Amino acid sequence: MRNLRKLAILAIGLGVSSMSLAYWTSISLESERENGMYYRICNYQTLDGYRFSIQVKGFCPISVRVDPETGQYQK
């Protein structure tokens, strides 16, 4: 039981520390264009000028969160 508790605390700590290393910022849709029958290219830009593009099936989200260092995004 004691080892299970230590393992759970370690897992939670690692999860929190990895999330704190990322610099997530909100980014707004600037423009979009069709790319085939079902796909769209969504272009985003932050207020400080960082640009980011993704391809989606369907409609572009109005805003996403992005980590400029890694290029990862969350819808």
C-alpha atoms as a PDB file:
ATOM      1  CA  MET A   1       0.000   0.000   0.000  1.00  0.00           C
ATOM      2  CA  ARG A   2       2.819   2.361   0.889  1.00  0.00           C
ATOM      3  CA  ASN A   3       4.614   1.704  -2.429  1.00  0.00           C
ATOM      4  CA  LEU A   4       1.400   2.302  -4.363  1.00  0.00           C
ATOM      5  CA  ARG A   5       0.968   5.675  -2.660  1.00  0.00           C
ATOM      6  CA  LYS A   6       4.558   6.661  -3.504  1.00  0.00           C
ATOM      7  CA  LEU A   7       4.052   5.610  -7.102  1.00  0.00           C
ATOM      8  CA  ALA A   8       0.845   7.659  -7.379  1.00  0.00           C
ATOM      9  CA  ILE A   9       2.556  10.746  -5.930  1.00  0.00           C
ATOM     10  CA  LEU A  10       5.472  10.310  -8.355  1.00  0.00           C
ATOM     11  CA  ALA A  11       3.109   9.991 -11.343  1.00  0.00           C
ATOM     12  CA  ILE A  12       1.169  13.108 -10.336  1.00  0.00           C
ATOM     13  CA  GLY A  13       4.387  15.052  -9.798  1.00  0.00           C
ATOM     14  CA  LEU A  14       5.785  14.084 -13.181  1.00  0.00           C
ATOM     15  CA  GLY A  15       2.528  15.010 -14.894  1.00  0.00           C
ATOM     16  CA  VAL A  16       2.385  18.424 -13.257  1.00  0.00           C
ATOM     17  CA  SER A  17       6.059  19.168 -13.917  1.00  0.00           C
ATOM     18  CA  SER A  18       5.804  18.283 -17.620  1.00  0.00           C
ATOM     19  CA  MET A  19       2.754  20.527 -17.991  1.00  0.00           C
ATOM     20  CA  SER A  20       4.501  23.412 -16.260  1.00  0.00           C
ATOM     21  CA  LEU A  21       7.445  23.303 -18.692  1.00  0.00           C
ATOM     22  CA  ALA A  22       5.229  24.087 -21.682  1.00  0.00           C
ATOM     23  CA  TYR A  23       4.383  27.694 -22.512  1.00  0.00           C
ATOM     24  CA  TRP A  24       0.818  27.424 -23.802  1.00  0.00           C
ATOM     25  CA  THR A  25      -0.712  30.545 -25.303  1.00  0.00           C
ATOM     26  CA  SER A  26      -4.052  31.199 -26.941  1.00  0.00           C
ATOM     27  CA  ILE A  27      -3.925  31.927 -30.660  1.00  0.00           C
ATOM     28  CA  SER A  28      -6.742  33.309 -32.848  1.00  0.00           C
ATOM     29  CA  LEU A  29      -7.841  32.345 -36.348  1.00  0.00           C
ATOM     30  CA  GLU A  30      -6.511  34.827 -38.903  1.00  0.00           C
ATOM     31  CA  SER A  31      -7.592  33.224 -42.184  1.00  0.00           C
ATOM     32  CA  GLU A  32      -8.618  29.926 -43.716  1.00  0.00           C
ATOM     33  CA  ARG A  33      -8.748  28.356 -47.150  1.00  0.00           C
ATOM     34  CA  GLU A  34     -10.037  25.150 -48.691  1.00  0.00           C
ATOM     35  CA  ASN A  35      -7.591  22.331 -49.311  1.00  0.00           C
ATOM     36  CA  GLY A  36      -9.497  19.622 -51.105  1.00  0.00           C
ATOM     37  CA  MET A  37     -13.071  18.572 -50.727  1.00  0.00           C
ATOM     38  CA  TYR A  38     -13.276  18.189 -46.923  1.00  0.00           C
ATOM     39  CA  TYR A  39     -10.104  19.806 -45.591  1.00  0.00           C
ATOM     40  CA  ARG A  40      -9.168  23.382 -44.701  1.00  0.00           C
ATOM     41  CA  ILE A  41      -5.878  25.118 -43.937  1.00  0.00           C
ATOM     42  CA  CYS A  42      -6.323  27.257 -40.803  1.00  0.00           C
ATOM     43  CA  ASN A  43      -3.864  30.119 -40.261  1.00  0.00           C
ATOM     44  CA  TYR A  44      -3.505  31.516 -36.738  1.00  0.00           C
ATOM     45  CA  GLN A  45      -1.585  34.471 -35.327  1.00  0.00           C
ATOM     46  CA  THR A  46      -0.918  35.711 -31.787  1.00  0.00           C
ATOM     47  CA  LEU A  47      -0.942  39.372 -30.784  1.00  0.00           C
ATOM     48  CA  ASP A  48       2.868  39.365 -30.669  1.00  0.00           C
ATOM     49  CA  GLY A  49       3.140  38.028 -34.253  1.00  0.00           C
ATOM     50  CA  TYR A  50       3.711  34.267 -33.867  1.00  0.00           C
ATOM     51  CA  ARG A  51       2.099  32.450 -36.824  1.00  0.00           C
ATOM     52  CA  PHE A  52       0.854  28.870 -36.860  1.00  0.00           C
ATOM     53  CA  SER A  53      -1.038  26.787 -39.463  1.00  0.00           C
ATOM     54  CA  ILE A  54      -2.885  23.474 -39.246  1.00  0.00           C
ATOM     55  CA  GLN A  55      -4.937  21.348 -41.610  1.00  0.00           C
ATOM     56  CA  VAL A  56      -8.320  20.191 -40.309  1.00  0.00           C
ATOM     57  CA  LYS A  57     -11.239  18.203 -41.632  1.00  0.00           C
ATOM     58  CA  GLY A  58     -14.357  20.359 -41.429  1.00  0.00           C
ATOM     59  CA  PHE A  59     -14.322  23.824 -39.929  1.00  0.00           C
ATOM     60  CA  CYS A  60     -11.402  25.717 -38.395  1.00  0.00           C
ATOM     61  CA  PRO A  61     -11.583  26.326 -34.637  1.00  0.00           C
ATOM     62  CA  ILE A  62     -11.819  30.056 -33.849  1.00  0.00           C
ATOM     63  CA  SER A  63      -8.939  29.746 -31.404  1.00  0.00           C
ATOM     64  CA  VAL A  64      -6.489  27.081 -30.247  1.00  0.00           C
ATOM     65  CA  ARG A  65      -3.780  26.870 -27.613  1.00  0.00           C
ATOM     66  CA  VAL A  66      -0.229  26.424 -28.886  1.00  0.00           C
ATOM     67  CA  ASP A  67       3.237  25.923 -27.396  1.00  0.00           C
ATOM     68  CA  PRO A  68       5.484  28.048 -29.661  1.00  0.00           C
ATOM     69  CA  GLU A  69       8.622  26.152 -28.625  1.00  0.00           C
ATOM     70  CA  THR A  70       7.380  22.712 -29.692  1.00  0.00           C
ATOM     71  CA  GLY A  71       4.623  23.600 -32.181  1.00  0.00           C
ATOM     72  CA  GLN A  72       2.140  21.389 -30.319  1.00  0.00           C
ATOM     73  CA  TYR A  73      -1.445  22.591 -30.207  1.00  0.00           C
ATOM     74  CA  GLN A  74      -4.704  21.848 -28.419  1.00  0.00           C
ATOM     75  CA  LYS A  75      -8.144  22.494 -29.837  1.00  0.00           C
END
